N, C-alpha and C. Protein backbone atom coordinates (compact mmCIF):
# COMPACT_ATOMS: atom_id res chain seq x y z
N UNK A 1 81.63 49.94 -16.17
CA UNK A 1 80.25 49.42 -16.22
C UNK A 1 79.26 50.43 -15.66
N UNK A 2 79.61 51.09 -14.53
CA UNK A 2 78.71 52.07 -13.92
C UNK A 2 78.47 53.24 -14.85
N UNK A 3 79.55 53.72 -15.50
CA UNK A 3 79.40 54.83 -16.44
C UNK A 3 78.50 54.45 -17.60
N UNK A 4 78.68 53.23 -18.13
CA UNK A 4 77.86 52.80 -19.25
C UNK A 4 76.39 52.70 -18.87
N UNK A 5 76.10 52.20 -17.66
CA UNK A 5 74.72 52.11 -17.19
C UNK A 5 74.10 53.49 -17.07
N UNK A 6 74.87 54.46 -16.55
CA UNK A 6 74.34 55.82 -16.43
C UNK A 6 74.03 56.41 -17.79
N UNK A 7 74.93 56.16 -18.77
CA UNK A 7 74.68 56.67 -20.11
C UNK A 7 73.45 56.05 -20.73
N UNK A 8 73.25 54.76 -20.50
CA UNK A 8 72.06 54.08 -21.03
C UNK A 8 70.79 54.67 -20.42
N UNK A 9 70.80 54.93 -19.11
CA UNK A 9 69.63 55.50 -18.46
C UNK A 9 69.31 56.87 -19.00
N UNK A 10 70.36 57.68 -19.25
CA UNK A 10 70.13 59.01 -19.79
C UNK A 10 69.51 58.94 -21.17
N UNK A 11 70.02 57.99 -22.02
CA UNK A 11 69.47 57.85 -23.36
C UNK A 11 68.01 57.44 -23.32
N UNK A 12 67.67 56.49 -22.44
CA UNK A 12 66.28 56.02 -22.34
C UNK A 12 65.38 57.14 -21.86
N UNK A 13 65.81 57.88 -20.83
CA UNK A 13 64.99 58.98 -20.31
C UNK A 13 64.82 60.07 -21.35
N UNK A 14 65.91 60.40 -22.07
CA UNK A 14 65.83 61.42 -23.11
C UNK A 14 64.88 61.03 -24.21
N UNK A 15 64.92 59.76 -24.62
CA UNK A 15 64.02 59.30 -25.67
C UNK A 15 62.58 59.36 -25.21
N UNK A 16 62.33 59.01 -23.95
CA UNK A 16 60.96 59.04 -23.42
C UNK A 16 60.42 60.45 -23.41
N UNK A 17 61.24 61.43 -22.96
CA UNK A 17 60.80 62.82 -22.93
C UNK A 17 60.52 63.33 -24.32
N UNK A 18 61.41 62.99 -25.29
CA UNK A 18 61.20 63.43 -26.66
C UNK A 18 59.92 62.86 -27.23
N UNK A 19 59.67 61.56 -26.96
CA UNK A 19 58.45 60.94 -27.46
C UNK A 19 57.21 61.56 -26.87
N UNK A 20 57.24 61.88 -25.58
CA UNK A 20 56.09 62.51 -24.94
C UNK A 20 55.83 63.88 -25.54
N UNK A 21 56.91 64.64 -25.80
CA UNK A 21 56.75 65.97 -26.38
C UNK A 21 56.13 65.89 -27.77
N UNK A 22 56.57 64.91 -28.58
CA UNK A 22 56.01 64.75 -29.92
C UNK A 22 54.54 64.39 -29.87
N UNK A 23 54.18 63.49 -28.97
CA UNK A 23 52.78 63.11 -28.84
C UNK A 23 51.93 64.29 -28.41
N UNK A 24 52.45 65.09 -27.48
CA UNK A 24 51.72 66.26 -27.03
C UNK A 24 51.46 67.21 -28.18
N UNK A 25 52.51 67.45 -29.00
CA UNK A 25 52.36 68.37 -30.11
C UNK A 25 51.29 67.92 -31.08
N UNK A 26 51.26 66.62 -31.39
CA UNK A 26 50.25 66.11 -32.31
C UNK A 26 48.85 66.26 -31.76
N UNK A 27 48.67 66.00 -30.47
CA UNK A 27 47.33 66.05 -29.88
C UNK A 27 46.82 67.47 -29.72
N UNK A 28 47.74 68.46 -29.69
CA UNK A 28 47.34 69.83 -29.45
C UNK A 28 47.08 70.62 -30.73
N UNK A 29 47.35 70.07 -31.91
CA UNK A 29 47.28 70.83 -33.15
C UNK A 29 45.90 71.43 -33.39
N UNK A 30 44.84 70.73 -32.99
CA UNK A 30 43.50 71.20 -33.31
C UNK A 30 42.96 72.17 -32.27
N UNK A 31 43.73 72.50 -31.25
CA UNK A 31 43.25 73.38 -30.20
C UNK A 31 43.81 74.78 -30.40
N UNK A 32 42.96 75.78 -30.25
CA UNK A 32 43.37 77.15 -30.53
C UNK A 32 44.40 77.66 -29.55
N UNK A 33 44.19 77.41 -28.25
CA UNK A 33 45.04 78.00 -27.24
C UNK A 33 46.00 77.03 -26.60
N UNK A 34 45.69 75.77 -26.66
CA UNK A 34 46.42 74.80 -25.84
C UNK A 34 47.90 74.68 -26.16
N UNK A 35 48.35 74.79 -27.44
CA UNK A 35 49.79 74.64 -27.68
C UNK A 35 50.62 75.59 -26.84
N UNK A 36 50.24 76.84 -26.77
CA UNK A 36 50.98 77.80 -25.96
C UNK A 36 50.92 77.44 -24.49
N UNK A 37 49.74 77.05 -24.05
CA UNK A 37 49.54 76.73 -22.64
C UNK A 37 50.52 75.66 -22.18
N UNK A 38 50.64 74.58 -22.94
CA UNK A 38 51.45 73.48 -22.47
C UNK A 38 52.92 73.61 -22.82
N UNK A 39 53.25 74.39 -23.84
CA UNK A 39 54.67 74.66 -24.09
C UNK A 39 55.29 75.42 -22.93
N UNK A 40 54.48 76.21 -22.22
CA UNK A 40 55.01 76.96 -21.09
C UNK A 40 55.56 76.05 -20.01
N UNK A 41 54.99 74.88 -19.86
CA UNK A 41 55.36 74.03 -18.73
C UNK A 41 56.62 73.22 -18.96
N UNK A 42 56.88 72.84 -20.21
CA UNK A 42 58.05 72.04 -20.52
C UNK A 42 58.13 70.78 -19.67
N UNK A 43 56.98 70.09 -19.55
CA UNK A 43 56.98 68.90 -18.72
C UNK A 43 56.91 67.62 -19.53
N UNK A 44 56.78 67.71 -20.85
CA UNK A 44 56.79 66.50 -21.67
C UNK A 44 55.63 65.61 -21.37
N UNK A 45 54.41 66.06 -21.59
CA UNK A 45 53.24 65.27 -21.25
C UNK A 45 53.02 64.16 -22.26
N UNK A 46 52.80 62.97 -21.79
CA UNK A 46 52.38 61.89 -22.68
C UNK A 46 50.87 61.92 -22.80
N UNK A 47 50.37 61.70 -23.99
CA UNK A 47 48.92 61.75 -24.20
C UNK A 47 48.33 60.40 -23.78
N UNK A 48 47.90 60.31 -22.55
CA UNK A 48 47.45 59.04 -22.02
C UNK A 48 45.96 58.93 -21.99
N UNK A 49 45.50 57.74 -21.78
CA UNK A 49 44.07 57.51 -21.76
C UNK A 49 43.51 57.59 -20.37
N UNK A 50 42.30 57.18 -20.26
CA UNK A 50 41.59 57.21 -18.99
C UNK A 50 40.15 56.90 -19.27
N UNK A 51 39.35 56.81 -18.25
CA UNK A 51 37.96 56.49 -18.48
C UNK A 51 37.14 57.01 -17.32
N UNK A 52 35.83 56.94 -17.50
CA UNK A 52 34.94 57.36 -16.42
C UNK A 52 34.27 56.16 -15.77
N UNK A 53 34.87 54.99 -15.94
CA UNK A 53 34.28 53.80 -15.36
C UNK A 53 34.51 53.75 -13.86
N UNK A 54 33.64 53.03 -13.16
CA UNK A 54 33.81 52.81 -11.73
C UNK A 54 34.88 51.75 -11.53
N UNK A 55 35.85 52.03 -10.68
CA UNK A 55 36.96 51.11 -10.44
C UNK A 55 36.79 50.49 -9.06
N UNK A 56 36.88 49.18 -8.99
CA UNK A 56 36.77 48.47 -7.72
C UNK A 56 38.05 47.70 -7.45
N UNK A 57 38.45 47.67 -6.20
CA UNK A 57 39.64 46.92 -5.81
C UNK A 57 39.33 45.43 -5.86
N UNK A 58 40.14 44.64 -6.59
CA UNK A 58 39.85 43.21 -6.70
C UNK A 58 40.15 42.41 -5.44
N UNK A 59 40.76 43.04 -4.49
CA UNK A 59 41.07 42.30 -3.26
C UNK A 59 42.39 42.75 -2.68
N UNK A 60 42.75 42.22 -1.52
CA UNK A 60 43.99 42.62 -0.87
C UNK A 60 43.71 43.08 0.54
N UNK A 61 44.78 43.16 1.33
CA UNK A 61 44.60 43.46 2.74
C UNK A 61 44.70 44.95 3.06
N UNK A 62 45.22 45.77 2.15
CA UNK A 62 45.40 47.18 2.44
C UNK A 62 44.11 47.97 2.24
N UNK A 63 43.93 48.96 3.09
CA UNK A 63 42.79 49.87 2.98
C UNK A 63 43.34 51.29 2.87
N UNK A 64 42.94 52.01 1.83
CA UNK A 64 43.49 53.33 1.55
C UNK A 64 42.56 54.44 2.01
N UNK A 65 43.15 55.54 2.49
CA UNK A 65 42.42 56.77 2.79
C UNK A 65 43.27 57.94 2.35
N UNK A 66 42.64 59.11 2.23
CA UNK A 66 43.36 60.33 1.89
C UNK A 66 42.90 61.44 2.81
N UNK A 67 43.86 62.21 3.32
CA UNK A 67 43.57 63.36 4.17
C UNK A 67 44.13 64.61 3.52
N UNK A 68 43.27 65.61 3.33
CA UNK A 68 43.70 66.84 2.67
C UNK A 68 44.44 67.77 3.62
N UNK A 69 45.45 68.46 3.10
CA UNK A 69 46.15 69.47 3.89
C UNK A 69 45.26 70.68 4.15
N UNK A 70 44.42 71.02 3.16
CA UNK A 70 43.52 72.17 3.29
C UNK A 70 42.09 71.72 2.99
N UNK A 71 41.39 71.18 3.98
CA UNK A 71 40.03 70.67 3.72
C UNK A 71 39.02 71.77 3.38
N UNK A 72 39.32 73.01 3.73
CA UNK A 72 38.42 74.13 3.43
C UNK A 72 39.20 75.23 2.72
N UNK A 73 39.51 75.03 1.45
CA UNK A 73 40.32 76.01 0.73
C UNK A 73 39.59 77.34 0.57
N UNK A 74 40.34 78.42 0.60
CA UNK A 74 39.75 79.73 0.43
C UNK A 74 39.70 80.12 -1.04
N UNK A 75 39.69 81.42 -1.32
CA UNK A 75 39.63 81.90 -2.69
C UNK A 75 40.98 81.70 -3.39
N UNK A 76 40.90 81.60 -4.72
CA UNK A 76 42.09 81.44 -5.56
C UNK A 76 42.95 80.28 -5.06
N UNK A 77 42.32 79.11 -4.98
CA UNK A 77 43.01 77.93 -4.46
C UNK A 77 42.73 76.72 -5.32
N UNK A 78 43.75 75.86 -5.45
CA UNK A 78 43.61 74.55 -6.07
C UNK A 78 44.03 73.53 -5.02
N UNK A 79 43.12 72.66 -4.62
CA UNK A 79 43.38 71.80 -3.47
C UNK A 79 42.87 70.39 -3.71
N UNK A 80 43.60 69.42 -3.18
CA UNK A 80 43.15 68.03 -3.23
C UNK A 80 42.16 67.77 -2.11
N UNK A 81 41.23 66.84 -2.39
CA UNK A 81 40.21 66.49 -1.40
C UNK A 81 39.91 64.99 -1.52
N UNK A 82 39.52 64.34 -0.41
CA UNK A 82 39.22 62.91 -0.47
C UNK A 82 37.97 62.62 -1.27
N UNK A 83 38.03 61.55 -2.05
CA UNK A 83 36.87 61.08 -2.79
C UNK A 83 36.50 59.68 -2.31
N UNK A 84 36.04 58.85 -3.22
CA UNK A 84 35.60 57.50 -2.85
C UNK A 84 36.80 56.59 -2.59
N UNK A 85 36.55 55.52 -1.83
CA UNK A 85 37.57 54.51 -1.57
C UNK A 85 36.97 53.13 -1.80
N UNK A 86 37.85 52.20 -2.17
CA UNK A 86 37.45 50.80 -2.32
C UNK A 86 38.67 49.94 -2.06
N UNK A 87 38.80 49.46 -0.83
CA UNK A 87 39.96 48.66 -0.47
C UNK A 87 41.24 49.48 -0.60
N UNK A 88 42.16 48.99 -1.44
CA UNK A 88 43.44 49.67 -1.64
C UNK A 88 43.35 50.84 -2.59
N UNK A 89 42.18 51.07 -3.18
CA UNK A 89 42.00 52.17 -4.12
C UNK A 89 41.42 53.39 -3.43
N UNK A 90 41.93 54.56 -3.80
CA UNK A 90 41.39 55.80 -3.27
C UNK A 90 41.36 56.83 -4.39
N UNK A 91 40.26 57.54 -4.49
CA UNK A 91 40.12 58.60 -5.48
C UNK A 91 40.31 59.96 -4.80
N UNK A 92 41.12 60.79 -5.42
CA UNK A 92 41.42 62.12 -4.89
C UNK A 92 40.91 63.16 -5.88
N UNK A 93 40.07 64.05 -5.41
CA UNK A 93 39.56 65.13 -6.25
C UNK A 93 40.53 66.30 -6.24
N UNK A 94 40.76 66.87 -7.41
CA UNK A 94 41.50 68.12 -7.50
C UNK A 94 40.47 69.22 -7.71
N UNK A 95 40.31 70.04 -6.69
CA UNK A 95 39.26 71.06 -6.67
C UNK A 95 39.84 72.45 -6.90
N UNK A 96 39.01 73.32 -7.45
CA UNK A 96 39.34 74.73 -7.61
C UNK A 96 38.32 75.53 -6.81
N UNK A 97 38.79 76.52 -6.06
CA UNK A 97 37.91 77.30 -5.19
C UNK A 97 37.93 78.77 -5.57
N UNK A 98 36.74 79.31 -5.85
CA UNK A 98 36.55 80.76 -6.01
C UNK A 98 37.61 81.40 -6.91
N UNK A 99 37.62 80.98 -8.16
CA UNK A 99 38.61 81.44 -9.12
C UNK A 99 37.91 81.77 -10.44
N UNK A 100 38.17 82.93 -10.99
CA UNK A 100 37.50 83.37 -12.22
C UNK A 100 38.31 83.05 -13.47
N UNK A 101 37.58 82.90 -14.59
CA UNK A 101 38.16 82.80 -15.93
C UNK A 101 39.08 81.59 -16.09
N UNK A 102 38.66 80.44 -15.60
CA UNK A 102 39.47 79.22 -15.72
C UNK A 102 39.21 78.59 -17.10
N UNK A 103 40.23 78.56 -17.92
CA UNK A 103 40.13 77.97 -19.27
C UNK A 103 40.80 76.59 -19.33
N UNK A 104 41.84 76.40 -18.54
CA UNK A 104 42.55 75.13 -18.58
C UNK A 104 43.49 74.99 -17.40
N UNK A 105 44.13 73.82 -17.34
CA UNK A 105 45.08 73.54 -16.26
C UNK A 105 46.15 72.60 -16.77
N UNK A 106 47.35 72.80 -16.29
CA UNK A 106 48.45 71.88 -16.53
C UNK A 106 49.09 71.59 -15.18
N UNK A 107 49.01 70.34 -14.76
CA UNK A 107 49.38 69.98 -13.40
C UNK A 107 50.34 68.80 -13.40
N UNK A 108 51.25 68.80 -12.46
CA UNK A 108 52.08 67.62 -12.19
C UNK A 108 51.85 67.23 -10.74
N UNK A 109 51.30 66.04 -10.53
CA UNK A 109 51.01 65.51 -9.20
C UNK A 109 52.08 64.49 -8.85
N UNK A 110 52.67 64.64 -7.67
CA UNK A 110 53.75 63.75 -7.26
C UNK A 110 53.31 62.84 -6.11
N UNK A 111 53.85 61.63 -6.10
CA UNK A 111 53.56 60.66 -5.05
C UNK A 111 54.75 59.74 -4.88
N UNK A 112 54.74 58.95 -3.83
CA UNK A 112 55.83 58.00 -3.55
C UNK A 112 55.56 56.70 -4.30
N UNK A 113 56.33 56.39 -5.35
CA UNK A 113 56.05 55.18 -6.14
C UNK A 113 56.32 53.88 -5.40
N UNK A 114 56.99 53.96 -4.27
CA UNK A 114 57.21 52.75 -3.48
C UNK A 114 56.00 52.42 -2.60
N UNK A 115 55.04 53.35 -2.53
CA UNK A 115 53.87 53.15 -1.67
C UNK A 115 52.54 53.25 -2.42
N UNK A 116 52.57 53.73 -3.65
CA UNK A 116 51.31 53.90 -4.38
C UNK A 116 51.58 53.87 -5.87
N UNK A 117 50.52 53.65 -6.65
CA UNK A 117 50.60 53.72 -8.11
C UNK A 117 49.36 54.41 -8.64
N UNK A 118 49.53 55.10 -9.76
CA UNK A 118 48.40 55.77 -10.41
C UNK A 118 47.57 54.74 -11.18
N UNK A 119 46.23 54.88 -11.13
CA UNK A 119 45.33 53.93 -11.78
C UNK A 119 44.56 54.55 -12.93
N UNK A 120 43.84 55.64 -12.69
CA UNK A 120 42.94 56.17 -13.71
C UNK A 120 42.44 57.55 -13.30
N UNK A 121 41.64 58.17 -14.18
CA UNK A 121 41.06 59.47 -13.87
C UNK A 121 39.62 59.54 -14.35
N UNK A 122 38.88 60.48 -13.80
CA UNK A 122 37.57 60.85 -14.33
C UNK A 122 37.51 62.37 -14.37
N UNK A 123 36.90 62.94 -15.40
CA UNK A 123 36.82 64.41 -15.48
C UNK A 123 35.95 64.98 -14.39
N UNK A 124 36.24 66.23 -14.02
CA UNK A 124 35.38 66.97 -13.13
C UNK A 124 34.33 67.75 -13.92
N UNK A 125 33.75 68.75 -13.29
CA UNK A 125 32.64 69.47 -13.91
C UNK A 125 32.98 70.90 -14.32
N UNK A 126 34.14 71.39 -13.95
CA UNK A 126 34.44 72.81 -14.17
C UNK A 126 34.48 73.18 -15.65
N UNK A 127 35.20 72.42 -16.44
CA UNK A 127 35.50 72.82 -17.82
C UNK A 127 34.41 72.47 -18.82
N UNK A 128 33.45 71.68 -18.43
CA UNK A 128 32.41 71.26 -19.35
C UNK A 128 32.59 69.79 -19.70
N UNK A 129 31.84 69.32 -20.69
CA UNK A 129 31.85 67.91 -21.03
C UNK A 129 31.93 67.72 -22.55
N UNK A 130 32.20 66.49 -22.94
CA UNK A 130 32.16 66.10 -24.35
C UNK A 130 33.16 66.87 -25.20
N UNK A 131 32.70 67.33 -26.38
CA UNK A 131 33.58 67.99 -27.34
C UNK A 131 34.03 69.37 -26.87
N UNK A 132 33.50 69.85 -25.75
CA UNK A 132 33.89 71.15 -25.22
C UNK A 132 35.26 71.12 -24.56
N UNK A 133 35.75 69.95 -24.22
CA UNK A 133 36.95 69.86 -23.40
C UNK A 133 37.89 68.77 -23.91
N UNK A 134 39.13 68.85 -23.46
CA UNK A 134 40.11 67.80 -23.71
C UNK A 134 40.86 67.51 -22.42
N UNK A 135 40.99 66.24 -22.09
CA UNK A 135 41.77 65.80 -20.94
C UNK A 135 42.85 64.85 -21.43
N UNK A 136 44.07 65.08 -21.01
CA UNK A 136 45.18 64.18 -21.27
C UNK A 136 45.88 63.91 -19.95
N UNK A 137 45.97 62.65 -19.57
CA UNK A 137 46.54 62.29 -18.27
C UNK A 137 47.49 61.12 -18.50
N UNK A 138 48.68 61.20 -17.93
CA UNK A 138 49.66 60.14 -18.09
C UNK A 138 50.58 60.10 -16.89
N UNK A 139 51.25 58.95 -16.73
CA UNK A 139 52.27 58.79 -15.69
C UNK A 139 53.59 58.52 -16.39
N UNK A 140 54.28 59.57 -16.88
CA UNK A 140 55.47 59.38 -17.73
C UNK A 140 56.67 58.81 -16.99
N UNK A 141 56.78 59.09 -15.70
CA UNK A 141 57.86 58.55 -14.89
C UNK A 141 57.28 58.10 -13.55
N UNK A 142 57.98 57.24 -12.87
CA UNK A 142 57.52 56.76 -11.57
C UNK A 142 57.36 57.92 -10.60
N UNK A 143 56.20 57.97 -9.94
CA UNK A 143 55.98 58.99 -8.94
C UNK A 143 55.41 60.29 -9.44
N UNK A 144 54.98 60.33 -10.71
CA UNK A 144 54.38 61.54 -11.26
C UNK A 144 53.15 61.22 -12.09
N UNK A 145 52.13 62.06 -11.96
CA UNK A 145 50.99 62.05 -12.86
C UNK A 145 50.91 63.43 -13.49
N UNK A 146 50.91 63.47 -14.82
CA UNK A 146 50.87 64.73 -15.55
C UNK A 146 49.47 64.91 -16.13
N UNK A 147 48.87 66.04 -15.83
CA UNK A 147 47.48 66.30 -16.22
C UNK A 147 47.42 67.54 -17.10
N UNK A 148 46.78 67.42 -18.25
CA UNK A 148 46.42 68.60 -19.03
C UNK A 148 44.91 68.55 -19.25
N UNK A 149 44.25 69.65 -18.93
CA UNK A 149 42.80 69.73 -19.08
C UNK A 149 42.47 71.12 -19.60
N UNK A 150 41.64 71.20 -20.64
CA UNK A 150 41.37 72.50 -21.22
C UNK A 150 40.01 72.54 -21.91
N UNK A 151 39.43 73.71 -21.96
CA UNK A 151 38.31 73.96 -22.84
C UNK A 151 38.85 74.06 -24.26
N UNK A 152 37.96 73.97 -25.24
CA UNK A 152 38.39 73.99 -26.63
C UNK A 152 37.78 75.16 -27.37
N UNK A 153 38.57 75.78 -28.23
CA UNK A 153 38.05 76.80 -29.11
C UNK A 153 37.95 78.17 -28.48
N UNK A 154 37.30 79.05 -29.21
CA UNK A 154 37.18 80.45 -28.81
C UNK A 154 35.98 80.62 -27.89
N UNK A 155 36.14 80.14 -26.65
CA UNK A 155 35.07 80.21 -25.66
C UNK A 155 35.60 80.88 -24.41
N UNK A 156 34.70 81.34 -23.59
CA UNK A 156 35.09 82.02 -22.35
C UNK A 156 35.61 81.03 -21.32
N UNK A 157 36.37 81.57 -20.38
CA UNK A 157 36.74 80.78 -19.22
C UNK A 157 35.57 80.63 -18.27
N UNK A 158 35.75 79.81 -17.26
CA UNK A 158 34.69 79.51 -16.30
C UNK A 158 34.97 80.25 -15.00
N UNK A 159 33.96 80.95 -14.49
CA UNK A 159 34.06 81.56 -13.17
C UNK A 159 33.61 80.54 -12.13
N UNK A 160 34.55 80.10 -11.32
CA UNK A 160 34.26 79.08 -10.30
C UNK A 160 33.86 79.78 -9.00
N UNK A 161 32.62 79.53 -8.60
CA UNK A 161 32.12 80.05 -7.33
C UNK A 161 32.02 78.89 -6.35
N UNK A 162 32.56 79.08 -5.17
CA UNK A 162 32.60 77.98 -4.22
C UNK A 162 33.71 77.01 -4.59
N UNK A 163 33.51 75.74 -4.32
CA UNK A 163 34.52 74.70 -4.59
C UNK A 163 33.95 73.72 -5.60
N UNK A 164 34.64 73.55 -6.73
CA UNK A 164 34.22 72.61 -7.77
C UNK A 164 35.40 71.75 -8.20
N UNK A 165 35.08 70.60 -8.79
CA UNK A 165 36.12 69.62 -9.12
C UNK A 165 36.59 69.78 -10.56
N UNK A 166 37.91 69.86 -10.72
CA UNK A 166 38.53 69.90 -12.04
C UNK A 166 38.72 68.50 -12.60
N UNK A 167 39.25 67.59 -11.80
CA UNK A 167 39.51 66.22 -12.22
C UNK A 167 39.65 65.34 -10.99
N UNK A 168 39.36 64.05 -11.14
CA UNK A 168 39.54 63.06 -10.07
C UNK A 168 40.62 62.07 -10.49
N UNK A 169 41.56 61.82 -9.61
CA UNK A 169 42.63 60.85 -9.86
C UNK A 169 42.51 59.69 -8.89
N UNK A 170 42.62 58.47 -9.41
CA UNK A 170 42.54 57.28 -8.56
C UNK A 170 43.92 56.65 -8.42
N UNK A 171 44.26 56.30 -7.18
CA UNK A 171 45.53 55.67 -6.87
C UNK A 171 45.29 54.34 -6.14
N UNK A 172 46.27 53.46 -6.24
CA UNK A 172 46.26 52.21 -5.48
C UNK A 172 47.43 52.23 -4.51
N UNK A 173 47.16 52.06 -3.22
CA UNK A 173 48.26 51.97 -2.26
C UNK A 173 48.86 50.57 -2.34
N UNK A 174 50.17 50.48 -2.23
CA UNK A 174 50.86 49.21 -2.42
C UNK A 174 51.69 48.79 -1.22
N UNK A 175 51.81 49.69 -0.24
CA UNK A 175 52.57 49.37 0.97
C UNK A 175 51.96 50.12 2.14
N UNK A 176 51.98 49.51 3.30
CA UNK A 176 51.41 50.13 4.49
C UNK A 176 52.20 51.37 4.89
N UNK A 177 51.49 52.33 5.49
CA UNK A 177 52.12 53.54 5.95
C UNK A 177 51.54 54.77 5.28
N UNK A 178 52.14 55.91 5.53
CA UNK A 178 51.65 57.16 4.97
C UNK A 178 52.68 57.75 4.01
N UNK A 179 52.19 58.53 3.04
CA UNK A 179 53.06 59.19 2.08
C UNK A 179 52.34 60.41 1.54
N UNK A 180 53.10 61.37 1.07
CA UNK A 180 52.50 62.61 0.59
C UNK A 180 52.02 62.49 -0.85
N UNK A 181 50.96 63.21 -1.14
CA UNK A 181 50.44 63.37 -2.50
C UNK A 181 50.36 64.88 -2.70
N UNK A 182 51.09 65.39 -3.66
CA UNK A 182 51.23 66.85 -3.72
C UNK A 182 51.37 67.31 -5.16
N UNK A 183 51.41 68.63 -5.35
CA UNK A 183 51.65 69.24 -6.65
C UNK A 183 53.12 69.61 -6.78
N UNK A 184 53.69 69.39 -7.95
CA UNK A 184 54.97 69.99 -8.28
C UNK A 184 54.65 71.42 -8.70
N UNK A 185 54.76 72.35 -7.75
CA UNK A 185 54.24 73.71 -7.97
C UNK A 185 54.91 74.43 -9.14
N UNK A 186 56.23 74.33 -9.35
CA UNK A 186 56.80 75.04 -10.50
C UNK A 186 56.23 74.56 -11.84
N UNK A 187 55.73 73.34 -11.89
CA UNK A 187 55.22 72.78 -13.14
C UNK A 187 53.70 72.75 -13.20
N UNK A 188 53.02 73.36 -12.25
CA UNK A 188 51.56 73.30 -12.17
C UNK A 188 50.97 74.71 -12.25
N UNK A 189 49.88 74.83 -13.00
CA UNK A 189 49.24 76.14 -13.13
C UNK A 189 47.82 75.99 -13.67
N UNK A 190 46.96 76.92 -13.30
CA UNK A 190 45.70 77.15 -13.98
C UNK A 190 45.92 78.27 -14.98
N UNK A 191 45.14 78.25 -16.08
CA UNK A 191 45.29 79.27 -17.11
C UNK A 191 43.95 79.91 -17.42
N UNK A 192 44.02 81.20 -17.78
CA UNK A 192 42.81 81.93 -18.12
C UNK A 192 42.53 81.86 -19.62
N UNK A 193 41.50 82.58 -20.08
CA UNK A 193 41.05 82.49 -21.46
C UNK A 193 41.62 83.57 -22.36
N UNK A 194 42.62 84.29 -21.91
CA UNK A 194 43.25 85.26 -22.78
C UNK A 194 43.97 84.55 -23.93
N UNK A 195 44.29 85.34 -24.96
CA UNK A 195 45.06 84.79 -26.07
C UNK A 195 46.36 85.60 -26.20
N UNK A 196 47.52 85.03 -25.83
CA UNK A 196 47.69 83.69 -25.30
C UNK A 196 47.26 83.59 -23.83
N UNK A 197 46.98 82.38 -23.36
CA UNK A 197 46.55 82.20 -21.97
C UNK A 197 47.63 82.62 -20.98
N UNK A 198 47.17 83.12 -19.85
CA UNK A 198 48.09 83.55 -18.80
C UNK A 198 47.84 82.74 -17.53
N UNK A 199 48.90 82.45 -16.76
CA UNK A 199 48.71 81.72 -15.50
C UNK A 199 47.85 82.52 -14.52
N UNK A 200 47.00 81.82 -13.81
CA UNK A 200 46.19 82.43 -12.76
C UNK A 200 46.91 82.20 -11.43
N UNK A 201 47.04 83.24 -10.67
CA UNK A 201 47.77 83.15 -9.40
C UNK A 201 46.88 82.47 -8.35
N UNK A 202 47.15 81.20 -8.10
CA UNK A 202 46.41 80.44 -7.09
C UNK A 202 47.39 79.73 -6.18
N UNK A 203 46.90 79.32 -5.01
CA UNK A 203 47.68 78.47 -4.12
C UNK A 203 47.39 77.02 -4.44
N UNK A 204 48.34 76.14 -4.13
CA UNK A 204 48.18 74.71 -4.35
C UNK A 204 48.39 73.98 -3.03
N UNK A 205 47.55 72.98 -2.76
CA UNK A 205 47.74 72.16 -1.55
C UNK A 205 47.37 70.72 -1.84
N UNK A 206 48.12 69.81 -1.26
CA UNK A 206 47.92 68.39 -1.47
C UNK A 206 47.40 67.70 -0.23
N UNK A 207 48.02 66.58 0.13
CA UNK A 207 47.55 65.84 1.30
C UNK A 207 48.37 64.59 1.53
N UNK A 208 47.80 63.67 2.27
CA UNK A 208 48.51 62.46 2.68
C UNK A 208 47.70 61.21 2.33
N UNK A 209 48.37 60.28 1.66
CA UNK A 209 47.80 58.95 1.44
C UNK A 209 48.16 58.06 2.63
N UNK A 210 47.17 57.30 3.11
CA UNK A 210 47.39 56.40 4.23
C UNK A 210 46.94 55.01 3.84
N UNK A 211 47.78 54.02 4.11
CA UNK A 211 47.44 52.62 3.84
C UNK A 211 47.57 51.83 5.14
N UNK A 212 46.47 51.16 5.52
CA UNK A 212 46.46 50.36 6.75
C UNK A 212 46.16 48.90 6.42
């Protein structure tokens, strides 16, 4: 029975990864550079939705906060920072600091699924707005949020001066206590505007979710 259960889990996980990869391929066909960018990661991104609506906590006793590991990131850095909170909901900004030629990003954000859940995202300001950009965000497995964000077409990358926001992710805490929110660094990268795009050498830092 144990062997059969393990085989079933493997089949389900394999099917999910294959489906995510197929969806990613379809969504990337119209982008000049993005197929190469995301094939490099091999993370099986699901093309998920999201919105820019304001999210409010409907109630509950938990209050969420976020503390960044690097509140003042230096040059060539990608760092999480606290955003707005509403009861058990907390928004975390993913910021880029002093980095040139940013064309896109592929990120995997990890969290403890026994203490928090992913809710939604809103775009940042680095890559532009509207038809200039594409954002795909999904939670393909428990404890992971996969983010793809890119400019579209034959356009230059963005020179980021100071600290600017790439994307905002909202989480709901579900159990009291603290837990880490971090990047899966081997699967996370910023990319430049070369053809094909090349990874930009940056540092990554996360932080801590707290629920009281």
